[in-house]
Amino acid sequence: MKAIFDFIITQYLSNPPILIGTLVAFGYILRKESPVKVISGTITAMVGITMLTFGGSQMTSFFRPITVAVNEAYGIQGYIMDLYAYTRGPRI
């Protein structure tokens, strides 16, 4: 039982595209949509959340040097809004 619980937590709930895709597919199934609509909507949602996550990480990596330069020049401390702000990298 513990192995199943660990699998659900580590593989399913920590992977946003799969989680969002499952929720979207479940919603389409509840609305009694056609199988083509369920599959296309699920794939669209999974690709969309992947693109959103990738774009956010690119913006963060682009602005990180700017915030470091502002911090050094003016002594202003701030935070970059990042999905993994508490787990990755030093505080800026």
PDB file of N, CA and C in Angstrom:
ATOM      1  N   MET A   1       0.814  -1.197   0.000  1.00  0.00           N
ATOM      2  CA  MET A   1       0.000   0.000   0.000  1.00  0.00           C
ATOM      3  C   MET A   1       0.858   1.263   0.000  1.00  0.00           C
ATOM      4  N   LYS A   2       1.951   1.231   0.780  1.00  0.00           N
ATOM      5  CA  LYS A   2       2.841   2.382   0.841  1.00  0.00           C
ATOM      6  C   LYS A   2       3.485   2.645  -0.516  1.00  0.00           C
ATOM      7  N   ALA A   3       3.800   1.580  -1.255  1.00  0.00           N
ATOM      8  CA  ALA A   3       4.409   1.749  -2.577  1.00  0.00           C
ATOM      9  C   ALA A   3       3.441   2.439  -3.538  1.00  0.00           C
ATOM     10  N   ILE A   4       2.173   2.090  -3.455  1.00  0.00           N
ATOM     11  CA  ILE A   4       1.177   2.726  -4.318  1.00  0.00           C
ATOM     12  C   ILE A   4       1.031   4.203  -3.950  1.00  0.00           C
ATOM     13  N   PHE A   5       0.981   4.490  -2.664  1.00  0.00           N
ATOM     14  CA  PHE A   5       0.869   5.870  -2.202  1.00  0.00           C
ATOM     15  C   PHE A   5       2.081   6.693  -2.628  1.00  0.00           C
ATOM     16  N   ASP A   6       3.280   6.123  -2.466  1.00  0.00           N
ATOM     17  CA  ASP A   6       4.500   6.823  -2.883  1.00  0.00           C
ATOM     18  C   ASP A   6       4.515   7.063  -4.385  1.00  0.00           C
ATOM     19  N   PHE A   7       4.045   6.094  -5.162  1.00  0.00           N
ATOM     20  CA  PHE A   7       3.991   6.259  -6.613  1.00  0.00           C
ATOM     21  C   PHE A   7       3.051   7.400  -6.987  1.00  0.00           C
ATOM     22  N   ILE A   8       1.889   7.436  -6.355  1.00  0.00           N
ATOM     23  CA  ILE A   8       0.917   8.494  -6.666  1.00  0.00           C
ATOM     24  C   ILE A   8       1.492   9.862  -6.320  1.00  0.00           C
ATOM     25  N   ILE A   9       2.133   9.986  -5.189  1.00  0.00           N
ATOM     26  CA  ILE A   9       2.683  11.278  -4.769  1.00  0.00           C
ATOM     27  C   ILE A   9       3.861  11.683  -5.638  1.00  0.00           C
ATOM     28  N   THR A  10       4.812  10.790  -5.858  1.00  0.00           N
ATOM     29  CA  THR A  10       6.046  11.178  -6.553  1.00  0.00           C
ATOM     30  C   THR A  10       5.899  11.244  -8.067  1.00  0.00           C
ATOM     31  N   GLN A  11       5.083  10.395  -8.654  1.00  0.00           N
ATOM     32  CA  GLN A  11       5.000  10.353 -10.108  1.00  0.00           C
ATOM     33  C   GLN A  11       3.789  11.096 -10.669  1.00  0.00           C
ATOM     34  N   TYR A  12       2.710  11.108  -9.942  1.00  0.00           N
ATOM     35  CA  TYR A  12       1.477  11.659 -10.488  1.00  0.00           C
ATOM     36  C   TYR A  12       1.222  13.095 -10.036  1.00  0.00           C
ATOM     37  N   LEU A  13       1.211  13.311  -8.751  1.00  0.00           N
ATOM     38  CA  LEU A  13       0.881  14.637  -8.242  1.00  0.00           C
ATOM     39  C   LEU A  13       2.008  15.646  -8.427  1.00  0.00           C
ATOM     40  N   SER A  14       3.230  15.181  -8.607  1.00  0.00           N
ATOM     41  CA  SER A  14       4.343  16.109  -8.798  1.00  0.00           C
ATOM     42  C   SER A  14       4.606  16.408 -10.271  1.00  0.00           C
ATOM     43  N   ASN A  15       3.797  15.888 -11.163  1.00  0.00           N
ATOM     44  CA  ASN A  15       3.955  16.117 -12.598  1.00  0.00           C
ATOM     45  C   ASN A  15       2.746  16.912 -13.100  1.00  0.00           C
ATOM     46  N   PRO A  16       2.858  18.255 -13.174  1.00  0.00           N
ATOM     47  CA  PRO A  16       1.695  19.084 -13.523  1.00  0.00           C
ATOM     48  C   PRO A  16       1.018  18.750 -14.855  1.00  0.00           C
ATOM     49  N   PRO A  17       1.755  18.484 -15.938  1.00  0.00           N
ATOM     50  CA  PRO A  17       1.032  18.191 -17.184  1.00  0.00           C
ATOM     51  C   PRO A  17       0.124  16.959 -17.089  1.00  0.00           C
ATOM     52  N   ILE A  18       0.589  15.938 -16.418  1.00  0.00           N
ATOM     53  CA  ILE A  18      -0.228  14.733 -16.298  1.00  0.00           C
ATOM     54  C   ILE A  18      -1.440  15.002 -15.402  1.00  0.00           C
ATOM     55  N   LEU A  19      -1.224  15.704 -14.327  1.00  0.00           N
ATOM     56  CA  LEU A  19      -2.319  16.012 -13.409  1.00  0.00           C
ATOM     57  C   LEU A  19      -3.376  16.884 -14.085  1.00  0.00           C
ATOM     58  N   ILE A  20      -2.958  17.939 -14.756  1.00  0.00           N
ATOM     59  CA  ILE A  20      -3.902  18.827 -15.450  1.00  0.00           C
ATOM     60  C   ILE A  20      -4.596  18.086 -16.588  1.00  0.00           C
ATOM     61  N   GLY A  21      -3.851  17.283 -17.332  1.00  0.00           N
ATOM     62  CA  GLY A  21      -4.448  16.506 -18.415  1.00  0.00           C
ATOM     63  C   GLY A  21      -5.504  15.551 -17.917  1.00  0.00           C
ATOM     64  N   THR A  22      -5.251  14.918 -16.785  1.00  0.00           N
ATOM     65  CA  THR A  22      -6.236  14.002 -16.214  1.00  0.00           C
ATOM     66  C   THR A  22      -7.496  14.749 -15.776  1.00  0.00           C
ATOM     67  N   LEU A  23      -7.313  15.902 -15.149  1.00  0.00           N
ATOM     68  CA  LEU A  23      -8.477  16.686 -14.722  1.00  0.00           C
ATOM     69  C   LEU A  23      -9.303  17.168 -15.919  1.00  0.00           C
ATOM     70  N   VAL A  24      -8.627  17.585 -16.971  1.00  0.00           N
ATOM     71  CA  VAL A  24      -9.342  18.037 -18.175  1.00  0.00           C
ATOM     72  C   VAL A  24     -10.077  16.872 -18.828  1.00  0.00           C
ATOM     73  N   ALA A  25      -9.419  15.726 -18.919  1.00  0.00           N
ATOM     74  CA  ALA A  25     -10.077  14.553 -19.512  1.00  0.00           C
ATOM     75  C   ALA A  25     -11.288  14.147 -18.686  1.00  0.00           C
ATOM     76  N   PHE A  26     -11.154  14.176 -17.372  1.00  0.00           N
ATOM     77  CA  PHE A  26     -12.270  13.833 -16.493  1.00  0.00           C
ATOM     78  C   PHE A  26     -13.437  14.806 -16.700  1.00  0.00           C
ATOM     79  N   GLY A  27     -13.127  16.085 -16.860  1.00  0.00           N
ATOM     80  CA  GLY A  27     -14.173  17.078 -17.108  1.00  0.00           C
ATOM     81  C   GLY A  27     -14.889  16.851 -18.424  1.00  0.00           C
ATOM     82  N   TYR A  28     -14.129  16.537 -19.476  1.00  0.00           N
ATOM     83  CA  TYR A  28     -14.759  16.265 -20.767  1.00  0.00           C
ATOM     84  C   TYR A  28     -15.617  15.003 -20.711  1.00  0.00           C
ATOM     85  N   ILE A  29     -15.145  14.000 -19.973  1.00  0.00           N
ATOM     86  CA  ILE A  29     -15.922  12.764 -19.845  1.00  0.00           C
ATOM     87  C   ILE A  29     -17.220  13.035 -19.089  1.00  0.00           C
ATOM     88  N   LEU A  30     -17.156  13.857 -18.037  1.00  0.00           N
ATOM     89  CA  LEU A  30     -18.369  14.203 -17.296  1.00  0.00           C
ATOM     90  C   LEU A  30     -19.367  14.982 -18.156  1.00  0.00           C
ATOM     91  N   ARG A  31     -18.830  15.762 -19.101  1.00  0.00           N
ATOM     92  CA  ARG A  31     -19.715  16.517 -20.002  1.00  0.00           C
ATOM     93  C   ARG A  31     -20.231  15.666 -21.157  1.00  0.00           C
ATOM     94  N   LYS A  32     -19.789  14.405 -21.197  1.00  0.00           N
ATOM     95  CA  LYS A  32     -20.188  13.441 -22.236  1.00  0.00           C
ATOM     96  C   LYS A  32     -19.790  13.909 -23.633  1.00  0.00           C
ATOM     97  N   GLU A  33     -18.563  14.416 -23.738  1.00  0.00           N
ATOM     98  CA  GLU A  33     -18.032  14.829 -25.035  1.00  0.00           C
ATOM     99  C   GLU A  33     -17.566  13.606 -25.824  1.00  0.00           C
ATOM    100  N   SER A  34     -17.319  13.800 -27.099  1.00  0.00           N
ATOM    101  CA  SER A  34     -16.860  12.699 -27.947  1.00  0.00           C
ATOM    102  C   SER A  34     -15.420  12.324 -27.585  1.00  0.00           C
ATOM    103  N   PRO A  35     -15.012  11.102 -27.880  1.00  0.00           N
ATOM    104  CA  PRO A  35     -13.634  10.686 -27.575  1.00  0.00           C
ATOM    105  C   PRO A  35     -12.577  11.562 -28.251  1.00  0.00           C
ATOM    106  N   VAL A  36     -12.880  12.040 -29.444  1.00  0.00           N
ATOM    107  CA  VAL A  36     -11.929  12.914 -30.136  1.00  0.00           C
ATOM    108  C   VAL A  36     -11.755  14.211 -29.367  1.00  0.00           C
ATOM    109  N   LYS A  37     -12.840  14.763 -28.861  1.00  0.00           N
ATOM    110  CA  LYS A  37     -12.792  16.001 -28.074  1.00  0.00           C
ATOM    111  C   LYS A  37     -12.042  15.776 -26.764  1.00  0.00           C
ATOM    112  N   VAL A  38     -12.249  14.624 -26.127  1.00  0.00           N
ATOM    113  CA  VAL A  38     -11.563  14.310 -24.875  1.00  0.00           C
ATOM    114  C   VAL A  38     -10.060  14.238 -25.105  1.00  0.00           C
ATOM    115  N   ILE A  39      -9.658  13.530 -26.137  1.00  0.00           N
ATOM    116  CA  ILE A  39      -8.222  13.356 -26.408  1.00  0.00           C
ATOM    117  C   ILE A  39      -7.582  14.671 -26.829  1.00  0.00           C
ATOM    118  N   SER A  40      -8.232  15.398 -27.744  1.00  0.00           N
ATOM    119  CA  SER A  40      -7.636  16.656 -28.209  1.00  0.00           C
ATOM    120  C   SER A  40      -7.588  17.699 -27.096  1.00  0.00           C
ATOM    121  N   GLY A  41      -8.624  17.773 -26.277  1.00  0.00           N
ATOM    122  CA  GLY A  41      -8.621  18.719 -25.162  1.00  0.00           C
ATOM    123  C   GLY A  41      -7.570  18.380 -24.119  1.00  0.00           C
ATOM    124  N   THR A  42      -7.394  17.088 -23.856  1.00  0.00           N
ATOM    125  CA  THR A  42      -6.386  16.648 -22.887  1.00  0.00           C
ATOM    126  C   THR A  42      -4.985  16.988 -23.373  1.00  0.00           C
ATOM    127  N   ILE A  43      -4.705  16.688 -24.624  1.00  0.00           N
ATOM    128  CA  ILE A  43      -3.375  16.980 -25.183  1.00  0.00           C
ATOM    129  C   ILE A  43      -3.131  18.486 -25.216  1.00  0.00           C
ATOM    130  N   THR A  44      -4.153  19.253 -25.584  1.00  0.00           N
ATOM    131  CA  THR A  44      -4.013  20.711 -25.608  1.00  0.00           C
ATOM    132  C   THR A  44      -3.686  21.266 -24.228  1.00  0.00           C
ATOM    133  N   ALA A  45      -4.366  20.768 -23.210  1.00  0.00           N
ATOM    134  CA  ALA A  45      -4.107  21.238 -21.844  1.00  0.00           C
ATOM    135  C   ALA A  45      -2.708  20.850 -21.386  1.00  0.00           C
ATOM    136  N   MET A  46      -2.276  19.641 -21.710  1.00  0.00           N
ATOM    137  CA  MET A  46      -0.941  19.188 -21.296  1.00  0.00           C
ATOM    138  C   MET A  46       0.156  19.991 -21.982  1.00  0.00           C
ATOM    139  N   VAL A  47      -0.011  20.250 -23.266  1.00  0.00           N
ATOM    140  CA  VAL A  47       0.979  21.052 -23.991  1.00  0.00           C
ATOM    141  C   VAL A  47       0.959  22.490 -23.473  1.00  0.00           C
ATOM    142  N   GLY A  48      -0.219  23.022 -23.193  1.00  0.00           N
ATOM    143  CA  GLY A  48      -0.329  24.393 -22.688  1.00  0.00           C
ATOM    144  C   GLY A  48       0.354  24.574 -21.349  1.00  0.00           C
ATOM    145  N   ILE A  49       0.159  23.654 -20.417  1.00  0.00           N
ATOM    146  CA  ILE A  49       0.798  23.791 -19.107  1.00  0.00           C
ATOM    147  C   ILE A  49       2.305  23.599 -19.221  1.00  0.00           C
ATOM    148  N   THR A  50       2.744  22.753 -20.151  1.00  0.00           N
ATOM    149  CA  THR A  50       4.182  22.582 -20.370  1.00  0.00           C
ATOM    150  C   THR A  50       4.794  23.864 -20.924  1.00  0.00           C
ATOM    151  N   MET A  51       4.116  24.495 -21.875  1.00  0.00           N
ATOM    152  CA  MET A  51       4.616  25.748 -22.437  1.00  0.00           C
ATOM    153  C   MET A  51       4.619  26.860 -21.398  1.00  0.00           C
ATOM    154  N   LEU A  52       3.601  26.913 -20.556  1.00  0.00           N
ATOM    155  CA  LEU A  52       3.525  27.926 -19.513  1.00  0.00           C
ATOM    156  C   LEU A  52       4.666  27.756 -18.508  1.00  0.00           C
ATOM    157  N   THR A  53       4.932  26.526 -18.106  1.00  0.00           N
ATOM    158  CA  THR A  53       6.030  26.258 -17.171  1.00  0.00           C
ATOM    159  C   THR A  53       7.376  26.601 -17.791  1.00  0.00           C
ATOM    160  N   PHE A  54       7.576  26.233 -19.048  1.00  0.00           N
ATOM    161  CA  PHE A  54       8.828  26.531 -19.733  1.00  0.00           C
ATOM    162  C   PHE A  54       9.023  28.035 -19.900  1.00  0.00           C
ATOM    163  N   GLY A  55       7.966  28.730 -20.289  1.00  0.00           N
ATOM    164  CA  GLY A  55       8.059  30.181 -20.461  1.00  0.00           C
ATOM    165  C   GLY A  55       8.362  30.894 -19.154  1.00  0.00           C
ATOM    166  N   GLY A  56       7.758  30.432 -18.076  1.00  0.00           N
ATOM    167  CA  GLY A  56       8.037  31.028 -16.765  1.00  0.00           C
ATOM    168  C   GLY A  56       9.477  30.828 -16.337  1.00  0.00           C
ATOM    169  N   SER A  57      10.014  29.650 -16.584  1.00  0.00           N
ATOM    170  CA  SER A  57      11.415  29.418 -16.214  1.00  0.00           C
ATOM    171  C   SER A  57      12.358  30.241 -17.085  1.00  0.00           C
ATOM    172  N   GLN A  58      12.010  30.450 -18.340  1.00  0.00           N
ATOM    173  CA  GLN A  58      12.845  31.276 -19.213  1.00  0.00           C
ATOM    174  C   GLN A  58      12.826  32.739 -18.781  1.00  0.00           C
ATOM    175  N   MET A  59      11.650  33.231 -18.404  1.00  0.00           N
ATOM    176  CA  MET A  59      11.556  34.611 -17.924  1.00  0.00           C
ATOM    177  C   MET A  59      12.351  34.790 -16.632  1.00  0.00           C
ATOM    178  N   THR A  60      12.272  33.821 -15.754  1.00  0.00           N
ATOM    179  CA  THR A  60      13.012  33.887 -14.502  1.00  0.00           C
ATOM    180  C   THR A  60      14.508  33.915 -14.758  1.00  0.00           C
ATOM    181  N   SER A  61      14.991  33.044 -15.631  1.00  0.00           N
ATOM    182  CA  SER A  61      16.423  33.020 -15.915  1.00  0.00           C
ATOM    183  C   SER A  61      16.864  34.293 -16.636  1.00  0.00           C
ATOM    184  N   PHE A  62      15.973  34.938 -17.393  1.00  0.00           N
ATOM    185  CA  PHE A  62      16.313  36.178 -18.070  1.00  0.00           C
ATOM    186  C   PHE A  62      16.427  37.339 -17.074  1.00  0.00           C
ATOM    187  N   PHE A  63      15.502  37.424 -16.119  1.00  0.00           N
ATOM    188  CA  PHE A  63      15.482  38.550 -15.189  1.00  0.00           C
ATOM    189  C   PHE A  63      16.372  38.376 -13.971  1.00  0.00           C
ATOM    190  N   ARG A  64      16.871  37.188 -13.711  1.00  0.00           N
ATOM    191  CA  ARG A  64      17.706  36.968 -12.537  1.00  0.00           C
ATOM    192  C   ARG A  64      18.959  37.856 -12.547  1.00  0.00           C
ATOM    193  N   PRO A  65      19.712  37.967 -13.644  1.00  0.00           N
ATOM    194  CA  PRO A  65      20.877  38.867 -13.638  1.00  0.00           C
ATOM    195  C   PRO A  65      20.510  40.335 -13.430  1.00  0.00           C
ATOM    196  N   ILE A  66      19.343  40.729 -13.911  1.00  0.00           N
ATOM    197  CA  ILE A  66      18.914  42.113 -13.734  1.00  0.00           C
ATOM    198  C   ILE A  66      18.648  42.397 -12.263  1.00  0.00           C
ATOM    199  N   THR A  67      17.980  41.482 -11.579  1.00  0.00           N
ATOM    200  CA  THR A  67      17.704  41.696 -10.158  1.00  0.00           C
ATOM    201  C   THR A  67      18.984  41.668  -9.331  1.00  0.00           C
ATOM    202  N   VAL A  68      19.950  40.848  -9.733  1.00  0.00           N
ATOM    203  CA  VAL A  68      21.239  40.831  -9.034  1.00  0.00           C
ATOM    204  C   VAL A  68      21.946  42.168  -9.220  1.00  0.00           C
ATOM    205  N   ALA A  69      21.916  42.721 -10.442  1.00  0.00           N
ATOM    206  CA  ALA A  69      22.570  44.004 -10.711  1.00  0.00           C
ATOM    207  C   ALA A  69      21.893  45.139  -9.939  1.00  0.00           C
ATOM    208  N   VAL A  70      20.575  45.134  -9.871  1.00  0.00           N
ATOM    209  CA  VAL A  70      19.867  46.164  -9.108  1.00  0.00           C
ATOM    210  C   VAL A  70      20.196  46.038  -7.625  1.00  0.00           C
ATOM    211  N   ASN A  71      20.285  44.807  -7.154  1.00  0.00           N
ATOM    212  CA  ASN A  71      20.622  44.577  -5.755  1.00  0.00           C
ATOM    213  C   ASN A  71      22.013  45.101  -5.428  1.00  0.00           C
ATOM    214  N   GLU A  72      22.963  44.845  -6.304  1.00  0.00           N
ATOM    215  CA  GLU A  72      24.334  45.307  -6.070  1.00  0.00           C
ATOM    216  C   GLU A  72      24.451  46.822  -6.208  1.00  0.00           C
ATOM    217  N   ALA A  73      23.737  47.406  -7.155  1.00  0.00           N
ATOM    218  CA  ALA A  73      23.870  48.837  -7.414  1.00  0.00           C
ATOM    219  C   ALA A  73      23.155  49.694  -6.373  1.00  0.00           C
ATOM    220  N   TYR A  74      21.958  49.287  -5.987  1.00  0.00           N
ATOM    221  CA  TYR A  74      21.146  50.130  -5.117  1.00  0.00           C
ATOM    222  C   TYR A  74      20.876  49.537  -3.737  1.00  0.00           C
ATOM    223  N   GLY A  75      21.282  48.305  -3.528  1.00  0.00           N
ATOM    224  CA  GLY A  75      21.044  47.670  -2.243  1.00  0.00           C
ATOM    225  C   GLY A  75      19.602  47.278  -2.009  1.00  0.00           C
ATOM    226  N   ILE A  76      18.827  47.204  -3.080  1.00  0.00           N
ATOM    227  CA  ILE A  76      17.419  46.823  -2.974  1.00  0.00           C
ATOM    228  C   ILE A  76      17.331  45.310  -3.055  1.00  0.00           C
ATOM    229  N   GLN A  77      16.633  44.723  -2.109  1.00  0.00           N
ATOM    230  CA  GLN A  77      16.444  43.278  -2.155  1.00  0.00           C
ATOM    231  C   GLN A  77      15.036  42.972  -2.620  1.00  0.00           C
ATOM    232  N   GLY A  78      14.936  41.976  -3.469  1.00  0.00           N
ATOM    233  CA  GLY A  78      13.636  41.579  -3.982  1.00  0.00           C
ATOM    234  C   GLY A  78      13.627  40.106  -4.304  1.00  0.00           C
ATOM    235  N   TYR A  79      12.517  39.647  -4.765  1.00  0.00           N
ATOM    236  CA  TYR A  79      12.352  38.249  -5.117  1.00  0.00           C
ATOM    237  C   TYR A  79      11.859  38.153  -6.541  1.00  0.00           C
ATOM    238  N   ILE A  80      12.308  37.114  -7.218  1.00  0.00           N
ATOM    239  CA  ILE A  80      11.779  36.792  -8.528  1.00  0.00           C
ATOM    240  C   ILE A  80      10.632  35.824  -8.300  1.00  0.00           C
ATOM    241  N   MET A  81       9.495  36.115  -8.879  1.00  0.00           N
ATOM    242  CA  MET A  81       8.364  35.200  -8.740  1.00  0.00           C
ATOM    243  C   MET A  81       8.672  33.954  -9.556  1.00  0.00           C
ATOM    244  N   ASP A  82       8.932  32.883  -8.860  1.00  0.00           N
ATOM    245  CA  ASP A  82       9.347  31.643  -9.496  1.00  0.00           C
ATOM    246  C   ASP A  82       8.564  30.501  -8.886  1.00  0.00           C
ATOM    247  N   LEU A  83       8.234  29.528  -9.706  1.00  0.00           N
ATOM    248  CA  LEU A  83       7.512  28.359  -9.234  1.00  0.00           C
ATOM    249  C   LEU A  83       8.295  27.624  -8.163  1.00  0.00           C
ATOM    250  N   TYR A  84       9.607  27.608  -8.292  1.00  0.00           N
ATOM    251  CA  TYR A  84      10.453  26.885  -7.347  1.00  0.00           C
ATOM    252  C   TYR A  84      11.309  27.851  -6.531  1.00  0.00           C
ATOM    253  N   ALA A  85      10.766  28.994  -6.170  1.00  0.00           N
ATOM    254  CA  ALA A  85      11.553  30.027  -5.483  1.00  0.00           C
ATOM    255  C   ALA A  85      12.094  29.558  -4.149  1.00  0.00           C
ATOM    256  N   TYR A  86      11.379  28.697  -3.476  1.00  0.00           N
ATOM    257  CA  TYR A  86      11.823  28.269  -2.145  1.00  0.00           C
ATOM    258  C   TYR A  86      12.743  27.072  -2.198  1.00  0.00           C
ATOM    259  N   THR A  87      12.854  26.410  -3.327  1.00  0.00           N
ATOM    260  CA  THR A  87      13.660  25.197  -3.394  1.00  0.00           C
ATOM    261  C   THR A  87      14.883  25.328  -4.278  1.00  0.00           C
ATOM    262  N   ARG A  88      14.983  26.384  -5.063  1.00  0.00           N
ATOM    263  CA  ARG A  88      16.065  26.451  -6.037  1.00  0.00           C
ATOM    264  C   ARG A  88      16.753  27.819  -5.956  1.00  0.00           C
ATOM    265  N   GLY A  89      18.053  27.796  -5.912  1.00  0.00           N
ATOM    266  CA  GLY A  89      18.841  29.021  -6.028  1.00  0.00           C
ATOM    267  C   GLY A  89      18.853  29.875  -4.787  1.00  0.00           C
ATOM    268  N   PRO A  90      19.790  30.804  -4.746  1.00  0.00           N
ATOM    269  CA  PRO A  90      19.913  31.688  -3.580  1.00  0.00           C
ATOM    270  C   PRO A  90      18.859  32.774  -3.596  1.00  0.00           C
ATOM    271  N   ARG A  91      18.632  33.350  -2.461  1.00  0.00           N
ATOM    272  CA  ARG A  91      17.722  34.483  -2.360  1.00  0.00           C
ATOM    273  C   ARG A  91      18.398  35.702  -2.952  1.00  0.00           C
ATOM    274  N   ILE A  92      17.666  36.436  -3.739  1.00  0.00           N
ATOM    275  CA  ILE A  92      18.248  37.612  -4.413  1.00  0.00           C
ATOM    276  C   ILE A  92      17.789  38.860  -3.723  1.00  0.00           C
TER     277      ILE A  92
END
